[in-house]
């Protein structure tokens, strides 16, 4: 009683197709796929920007900062 049979899922699928229509349902899935691709592209660009920022402006180490303070004293 706790599990659903194949007939249950078949009826649910038919009802969903009737409500949304075949074209509308495939259009929604296409929009979801485009959204996922844009999200991945944005994440990749964000990682590239962080890596470039680290390469361009490295932070001085503790030893380097101590040398700079010794020179000024």
PDB file of N, CA and C in Angstrom:
ATOM      1  N   UNK A   1       0.814  -1.197   0.000  1.00  0.00           N
ATOM      2  CA  UNK A   1       0.000   0.000   0.000  1.00  0.00           C
ATOM      3  C   UNK A   1       0.856   1.260   0.000  1.00  0.00           C
ATOM      4  N   UNK A   2       2.083   1.186   0.524  1.00  0.00           N
ATOM      5  CA  UNK A   2       2.919   2.368   0.622  1.00  0.00           C
ATOM      6  C   UNK A   2       3.595   2.740  -0.681  1.00  0.00           C
ATOM      7  N   UNK A   3       3.726   1.800  -1.606  1.00  0.00           N
ATOM      8  CA  UNK A   3       4.416   2.117  -2.857  1.00  0.00           C
ATOM      9  C   UNK A   3       3.410   2.338  -3.979  1.00  0.00           C
ATOM     10  N   UNK A   4       3.856   3.076  -4.987  1.00  0.00           N
ATOM     11  CA  UNK A   4       2.995   3.356  -6.123  1.00  0.00           C
ATOM     12  C   UNK A   4       3.343   2.408  -7.259  1.00  0.00           C
ATOM     13  N   UNK A   5       2.324   1.958  -7.953  1.00  0.00           N
ATOM     14  CA  UNK A   5       2.538   1.027  -9.058  1.00  0.00           C
ATOM     15  C   UNK A   5       2.850   1.795 -10.337  1.00  0.00           C
ATOM     16  N   UNK A   6       3.228   1.072 -11.360  1.00  0.00           N
ATOM     17  CA  UNK A   6       3.532   1.676 -12.651  1.00  0.00           C
ATOM     18  C   UNK A   6       2.294   2.357 -13.230  1.00  0.00           C
ATOM     19  N   UNK A   7       1.120   1.828 -12.955  1.00  0.00           N
ATOM     20  CA  UNK A   7      -0.120   2.406 -13.465  1.00  0.00           C
ATOM     21  C   UNK A   7      -0.377   3.780 -12.841  1.00  0.00           C
ATOM     22  N   UNK A   8      -0.040   3.893 -11.585  1.00  0.00           N
ATOM     23  CA  UNK A   8      -0.210   5.189 -10.917  1.00  0.00           C
ATOM     24  C   UNK A   8       0.659   6.243 -11.591  1.00  0.00           C
ATOM     25  N   UNK A   9       1.926   5.934 -11.814  1.00  0.00           N
ATOM     26  CA  UNK A   9       2.834   6.891 -12.433  1.00  0.00           C
ATOM     27  C   UNK A   9       2.443   7.186 -13.877  1.00  0.00           C
ATOM     28  N   UNK A  10       1.909   6.195 -14.581  1.00  0.00           N
ATOM     29  CA  UNK A  10       1.454   6.402 -15.951  1.00  0.00           C
ATOM     30  C   UNK A  10       0.290   7.385 -15.991  1.00  0.00           C
ATOM     31  N   UNK A  11      -0.658   7.230 -15.095  1.00  0.00           N
ATOM     32  CA  UNK A  11      -1.810   8.134 -15.028  1.00  0.00           C
ATOM     33  C   UNK A  11      -1.348   9.543 -14.641  1.00  0.00           C
ATOM     34  N   UNK A  12      -0.445   9.650 -13.683  1.00  0.00           N
ATOM     35  CA  UNK A  12       0.071  10.963 -13.278  1.00  0.00           C
ATOM     36  C   UNK A  12       0.773  11.629 -14.459  1.00  0.00           C
ATOM     37  N   UNK A  13       1.584  10.884 -15.196  1.00  0.00           N
ATOM     38  CA  UNK A  13       2.273  11.430 -16.361  1.00  0.00           C
ATOM     39  C   UNK A  13       1.309  11.917 -17.430  1.00  0.00           C
ATOM     40  N   UNK A  14       0.259  11.165 -17.684  1.00  0.00           N
ATOM     41  CA  UNK A  14      -0.734  11.563 -18.693  1.00  0.00           C
ATOM     42  C   UNK A  14      -1.456  12.835 -18.255  1.00  0.00           C
ATOM     43  N   UNK A  15      -1.791  12.924 -16.984  1.00  0.00           N
ATOM     44  CA  UNK A  15      -2.473  14.122 -16.478  1.00  0.00           C
ATOM     45  C   UNK A  15      -1.564  15.346 -16.603  1.00  0.00           C
ATOM     46  N   UNK A  16      -0.292  15.185 -16.275  1.00  0.00           N
ATOM     47  CA  UNK A  16       0.645  16.310 -16.392  1.00  0.00           C
ATOM     48  C   UNK A  16       0.770  16.754 -17.848  1.00  0.00           C
ATOM     49  N   UNK A  17       0.871  15.786 -18.767  1.00  0.00           N
ATOM     50  CA  UNK A  17       0.964  16.144 -20.188  1.00  0.00           C
ATOM     51  C   UNK A  17      -0.304  16.840 -20.675  1.00  0.00           C
ATOM     52  N   UNK A  18      -1.457  16.411 -20.186  1.00  0.00           N
ATOM     53  CA  UNK A  18      -2.706  17.053 -20.586  1.00  0.00           C
ATOM     54  C   UNK A  18      -2.798  18.476 -20.027  1.00  0.00           C
ATOM     55  N   UNK A  19      -2.342  18.671 -18.801  1.00  0.00           N
ATOM     56  CA  UNK A  19      -2.416  20.003 -18.196  1.00  0.00           C
ATOM     57  C   UNK A  19      -1.449  20.987 -18.845  1.00  0.00           C
ATOM     58  N   UNK A  20      -0.233  20.570 -19.042  1.00  0.00           N
ATOM     59  CA  UNK A  20       0.783  21.475 -19.545  1.00  0.00           C
ATOM     60  C   UNK A  20       0.935  21.407 -21.058  1.00  0.00           C
ATOM     61  N   UNK A  21       0.552  20.339 -21.665  1.00  0.00           N
ATOM     62  CA  UNK A  21       0.750  20.187 -23.102  1.00  0.00           C
ATOM     63  C   UNK A  21       2.178  19.800 -23.405  1.00  0.00           C
ATOM     64  N   UNK A  22       2.374  19.109 -24.507  1.00  0.00           N
ATOM     65  CA  UNK A  22       3.695  18.607 -24.835  1.00  0.00           C
ATOM     66  C   UNK A  22       4.668  19.738 -25.140  1.00  0.00           C
ATOM     67  N   UNK A  23       4.247  20.740 -25.873  1.00  0.00           N
ATOM     68  CA  UNK A  23       5.131  21.843 -26.243  1.00  0.00           C
ATOM     69  C   UNK A  23       5.512  22.692 -25.047  1.00  0.00           C
ATOM     70  N   UNK A  24       4.554  22.948 -24.187  1.00  0.00           N
ATOM     71  CA  UNK A  24       4.827  23.790 -23.013  1.00  0.00           C
ATOM     72  C   UNK A  24       5.765  23.074 -22.045  1.00  0.00           C
ATOM     73  N   UNK A  25       5.573  21.781 -21.879  1.00  0.00           N
ATOM     74  CA  UNK A  25       6.420  21.006 -20.960  1.00  0.00           C
ATOM     75  C   UNK A  25       7.856  20.950 -21.474  1.00  0.00           C
ATOM     76  N   UNK A  26       8.033  20.699 -22.763  1.00  0.00           N
ATOM     77  CA  UNK A  26       9.390  20.652 -23.310  1.00  0.00           C
ATOM     78  C   UNK A  26      10.024  22.036 -23.293  1.00  0.00           C
ATOM     79  N   UNK A  27       9.230  23.086 -23.458  1.00  0.00           N
ATOM     80  CA  UNK A  27       9.748  24.447 -23.367  1.00  0.00           C
ATOM     81  C   UNK A  27      10.254  24.768 -21.968  1.00  0.00           C
ATOM     82  N   UNK A  28       9.527  24.305 -20.958  1.00  0.00           N
ATOM     83  CA  UNK A  28       9.961  24.519 -19.582  1.00  0.00           C
ATOM     84  C   UNK A  28      11.266  23.786 -19.305  1.00  0.00           C
ATOM     85  N   UNK A  29      11.386  22.567 -19.803  1.00  0.00           N
ATOM     86  CA  UNK A  29      12.614  21.799 -19.585  1.00  0.00           C
ATOM     87  C   UNK A  29      13.789  22.461 -20.305  1.00  0.00           C
ATOM     88  N   UNK A  30      13.541  23.043 -21.480  1.00  0.00           N
ATOM     89  CA  UNK A  30      14.587  23.766 -22.191  1.00  0.00           C
ATOM     90  C   UNK A  30      15.043  24.993 -21.411  1.00  0.00           C
ATOM     91  N   UNK A  31      14.090  25.698 -20.797  1.00  0.00           N
ATOM     92  CA  UNK A  31      14.434  26.859 -19.981  1.00  0.00           C
ATOM     93  C   UNK A  31      15.242  26.457 -18.762  1.00  0.00           C
ATOM     94  N   UNK A  32      14.901  25.330 -18.157  1.00  0.00           N
ATOM     95  CA  UNK A  32      15.660  24.834 -17.007  1.00  0.00           C
ATOM     96  C   UNK A  32      17.093  24.504 -17.426  1.00  0.00           C
ATOM     97  N   UNK A  33      17.239  23.863 -18.570  1.00  0.00           N
ATOM     98  CA  UNK A  33      18.575  23.512 -19.064  1.00  0.00           C
ATOM     99  C   UNK A  33      19.405  24.770 -19.341  1.00  0.00           C
ATOM    100  N   UNK A  34      18.785  25.800 -19.929  1.00  0.00           N
ATOM    101  CA  UNK A  34      19.494  27.047 -20.187  1.00  0.00           C
ATOM    102  C   UNK A  34      19.922  27.704 -18.876  1.00  0.00           C
ATOM    103  N   UNK A  35      19.051  27.655 -17.888  1.00  0.00           N
ATOM    104  CA  UNK A  35      19.386  28.229 -16.593  1.00  0.00           C
ATOM    105  C   UNK A  35      20.569  27.535 -15.942  1.00  0.00           C
ATOM    106  N   UNK A  36      20.609  26.222 -16.036  1.00  0.00           N
ATOM    107  CA  UNK A  36      21.715  25.454 -15.460  1.00  0.00           C
ATOM    108  C   UNK A  36      23.020  25.794 -16.183  1.00  0.00           C
ATOM    109  N   UNK A  37      22.975  25.894 -17.505  1.00  0.00           N
ATOM    110  CA  UNK A  37      24.173  26.229 -18.276  1.00  0.00           C
ATOM    111  C   UNK A  37      24.685  27.620 -17.907  1.00  0.00           C
ATOM    112  N   UNK A  38      23.777  28.590 -17.772  1.00  0.00           N
ATOM    113  CA  UNK A  38      24.187  29.946 -17.405  1.00  0.00           C
ATOM    114  C   UNK A  38      24.781  29.979 -16.002  1.00  0.00           C
ATOM    115  N   UNK A  39      24.212  29.193 -15.093  1.00  0.00           N
ATOM    116  CA  UNK A  39      24.729  29.128 -13.730  1.00  0.00           C
ATOM    117  C   UNK A  39      26.149  28.573 -13.721  1.00  0.00           C
ATOM    118  N   UNK A  40      26.374  27.488 -14.456  1.00  0.00           N
ATOM    119  CA  UNK A  40      27.714  26.901 -14.530  1.00  0.00           C
ATOM    120  C   UNK A  40      28.706  27.877 -15.160  1.00  0.00           C
ATOM    121  N   UNK A  41      28.264  28.583 -16.207  1.00  0.00           N
ATOM    122  CA  UNK A  41      29.127  29.557 -16.869  1.00  0.00           C
ATOM    123  C   UNK A  41      29.486  30.688 -15.909  1.00  0.00           C
ATOM    124  N   UNK A  42      28.526  31.154 -15.146  1.00  0.00           N
ATOM    125  CA  UNK A  42      28.781  32.207 -14.171  1.00  0.00           C
ATOM    126  C   UNK A  42      29.730  31.764 -13.077  1.00  0.00           C
ATOM    127  N   UNK A  43      29.582  30.526 -12.618  1.00  0.00           N
ATOM    128  CA  UNK A  43      30.477  30.013 -11.586  1.00  0.00           C
ATOM    129  C   UNK A  43      31.897  29.891 -12.127  1.00  0.00           C
ATOM    130  N   UNK A  44      32.051  29.455 -13.367  1.00  0.00           N
ATOM    131  CA  UNK A  44      33.381  29.321 -13.969  1.00  0.00           C
ATOM    132  C   UNK A  44      34.027  30.695 -14.130  1.00  0.00           C
ATOM    133  N   UNK A  45      33.261  31.706 -14.545  1.00  0.00           N
ATOM    134  CA  UNK A  45      33.804  33.055 -14.700  1.00  0.00           C
ATOM    135  C   UNK A  45      34.207  33.620 -13.350  1.00  0.00           C
ATOM    136  N   UNK A  46      33.435  33.326 -12.314  1.00  0.00           N
ATOM    137  CA  UNK A  46      33.740  33.806 -10.970  1.00  0.00           C
ATOM    138  C   UNK A  46      35.046  33.202 -10.467  1.00  0.00           C
ATOM    139  N   UNK A  47      35.256  31.917 -10.701  1.00  0.00           N
ATOM    140  CA  UNK A  47      36.494  31.259 -10.282  1.00  0.00           C
ATOM    141  C   UNK A  47      37.687  31.813 -11.057  1.00  0.00           C
ATOM    142  N   UNK A  48      37.510  32.082 -12.347  1.00  0.00           N
ATOM    143  CA  UNK A  48      38.593  32.648 -13.152  1.00  0.00           C
ATOM    144  C   UNK A  48      38.961  34.044 -12.647  1.00  0.00           C
ATOM    145  N   UNK A  49      37.972  34.830 -12.275  1.00  0.00           N
ATOM    146  CA  UNK A  49      38.231  36.184 -11.791  1.00  0.00           C
ATOM    147  C   UNK A  49      38.981  36.140 -10.458  1.00  0.00           C
ATOM    148  N   UNK A  50      38.614  35.214  -9.587  1.00  0.00           N
ATOM    149  CA  UNK A  50      39.305  35.086  -8.305  1.00  0.00           C
ATOM    150  C   UNK A  50      40.756  34.654  -8.512  1.00  0.00           C
ATOM    151  N   UNK A  51      40.983  33.721  -9.421  1.00  0.00           N
ATOM    152  CA  UNK A  51      42.339  33.249  -9.688  1.00  0.00           C
ATOM    153  C   UNK A  51      43.183  34.370 -10.288  1.00  0.00           C
ATOM    154  N   UNK A  52      42.617  35.153 -11.175  1.00  0.00           N
ATOM    155  CA  UNK A  52      43.348  36.256 -11.793  1.00  0.00           C
ATOM    156  C   UNK A  52      43.679  37.320 -10.751  1.00  0.00           C
ATOM    157  N   UNK A  53      42.770  37.571  -9.831  1.00  0.00           N
ATOM    158  CA  UNK A  53      43.015  38.578  -8.801  1.00  0.00           C
ATOM    159  C   UNK A  53      44.143  38.128  -7.875  1.00  0.00           C
ATOM    160  N   UNK A  54      44.199  36.847  -7.579  1.00  0.00           N
ATOM    161  CA  UNK A  54      45.274  36.339  -6.723  1.00  0.00           C
ATOM    162  C   UNK A  54      46.624  36.443  -7.415  1.00  0.00           C
ATOM    163  N   UNK A  55      46.665  36.218  -8.716  1.00  0.00           N
ATOM    164  CA  UNK A  55      47.918  36.272  -9.464  1.00  0.00           C
ATOM    165  C   UNK A  55      48.389  37.722  -9.596  1.00  0.00           C
ATOM    166  N   UNK A  56      47.479  38.652  -9.834  1.00  0.00           N
ATOM    167  CA  UNK A  56      47.842  40.043 -10.065  1.00  0.00           C
ATOM    168  C   UNK A  56      48.342  40.736  -8.807  1.00  0.00           C
ATOM    169  N   UNK A  57      47.726  40.495  -7.674  1.00  0.00           N
ATOM    170  CA  UNK A  57      48.108  41.227  -6.466  1.00  0.00           C
ATOM    171  C   UNK A  57      48.343  40.262  -5.305  1.00  0.00           C
ATOM    172  N   UNK A  58      49.524  39.661  -5.257  1.00  0.00           N
ATOM    173  CA  UNK A  58      49.799  38.759  -4.137  1.00  0.00           C
ATOM    174  C   UNK A  58      49.976  39.553  -2.852  1.00  0.00           C
ATOM    175  N   UNK A  59      49.515  39.009  -1.762  1.00  0.00           N
ATOM    176  CA  UNK A  59      49.640  39.654  -0.463  1.00  0.00           C
ATOM    177  C   UNK A  59      51.054  39.433   0.079  1.00  0.00           C
ATOM    178  N   UNK A  60      51.639  40.440   0.724  1.00  0.00           N
ATOM    179  CA  UNK A  60      52.976  40.248   1.280  1.00  0.00           C
ATOM    180  C   UNK A  60      52.937  39.266   2.443  1.00  0.00           C
ATOM    181  N   UNK A  61      53.992  38.504   2.570  1.00  0.00           N
ATOM    182  CA  UNK A  61      54.064  37.549   3.662  1.00  0.00           C
ATOM    183  C   UNK A  61      54.469  38.265   4.935  1.00  0.00           C
ATOM    184  N   UNK A  62      54.441  37.576   6.031  1.00  0.00           N
ATOM    185  CA  UNK A  62      54.788  38.165   7.315  1.00  0.00           C
ATOM    186  C   UNK A  62      56.236  38.629   7.306  1.00  0.00           C
ATOM    187  N   UNK A  63      57.122  37.845   6.735  1.00  0.00           N
ATOM    188  CA  UNK A  63      58.538  38.194   6.685  1.00  0.00           C
ATOM    189  C   UNK A  63      58.734  39.464   5.863  1.00  0.00           C
ATOM    190  N   UNK A  64      58.058  39.583   4.712  1.00  0.00           N
ATOM    191  CA  UNK A  64      58.182  40.764   3.872  1.00  0.00           C
ATOM    192  C   UNK A  64      57.659  42.000   4.588  1.00  0.00           C
ATOM    193  N   UNK A  65      56.573  41.873   5.312  1.00  0.00           N
ATOM    194  CA  UNK A  65      56.028  43.029   6.012  1.00  0.00           C
ATOM    195  C   UNK A  65      56.942  43.446   7.154  1.00  0.00           C
ATOM    196  N   UNK A  66      57.626  42.496   7.794  1.00  0.00           N
ATOM    197  CA  UNK A  66      58.578  42.843   8.849  1.00  0.00           C
ATOM    198  C   UNK A  66      59.785  43.565   8.261  1.00  0.00           C
ATOM    199  N   UNK A  67      60.219  43.155   7.062  1.00  0.00           N
ATOM    200  CA  UNK A  67      61.347  43.821   6.414  1.00  0.00           C
ATOM    201  C   UNK A  67      60.994  45.264   6.080  1.00  0.00           C
ATOM    202  N   UNK A  68      59.755  45.477   5.649  1.00  0.00           N
ATOM    203  CA  UNK A  68      59.326  46.823   5.300  1.00  0.00           C
ATOM    204  C   UNK A  68      59.280  47.713   6.531  1.00  0.00           C
ATOM    205  N   UNK A  69      58.848  47.198   7.666  1.00  0.00           N
ATOM    206  CA  UNK A  69      58.802  48.005   8.882  1.00  0.00           C
ATOM    207  C   UNK A  69      60.208  48.277   9.407  1.00  0.00           C
ATOM    208  N   UNK A  70      61.159  47.333   9.216  1.00  0.00           N
ATOM    209  CA  UNK A  70      62.540  47.550   9.652  1.00  0.00           C
ATOM    210  C   UNK A  70      63.203  48.646   8.837  1.00  0.00           C
ATOM    211  N   UNK A  71      62.891  48.712   7.539  1.00  0.00           N
ATOM    212  CA  UNK A  71      63.486  49.719   6.682  1.00  0.00           C
ATOM    213  C   UNK A  71      63.004  51.123   7.059  1.00  0.00           C
ATOM    214  N   UNK A  72      61.746  51.215   7.466  1.00  0.00           N
ATOM    215  CA  UNK A  72      61.203  52.523   7.800  1.00  0.00           C
ATOM    216  C   UNK A  72      61.629  52.988   9.178  1.00  0.00           C
ATOM    217  N   UNK A  73      62.067  52.090  10.043  1.00  0.00           N
ATOM    218  CA  UNK A  73      62.450  52.455  11.414  1.00  0.00           C
ATOM    219  C   UNK A  73      63.848  52.991  11.480  1.00  0.00           C
TER     220      UNK A  73
END
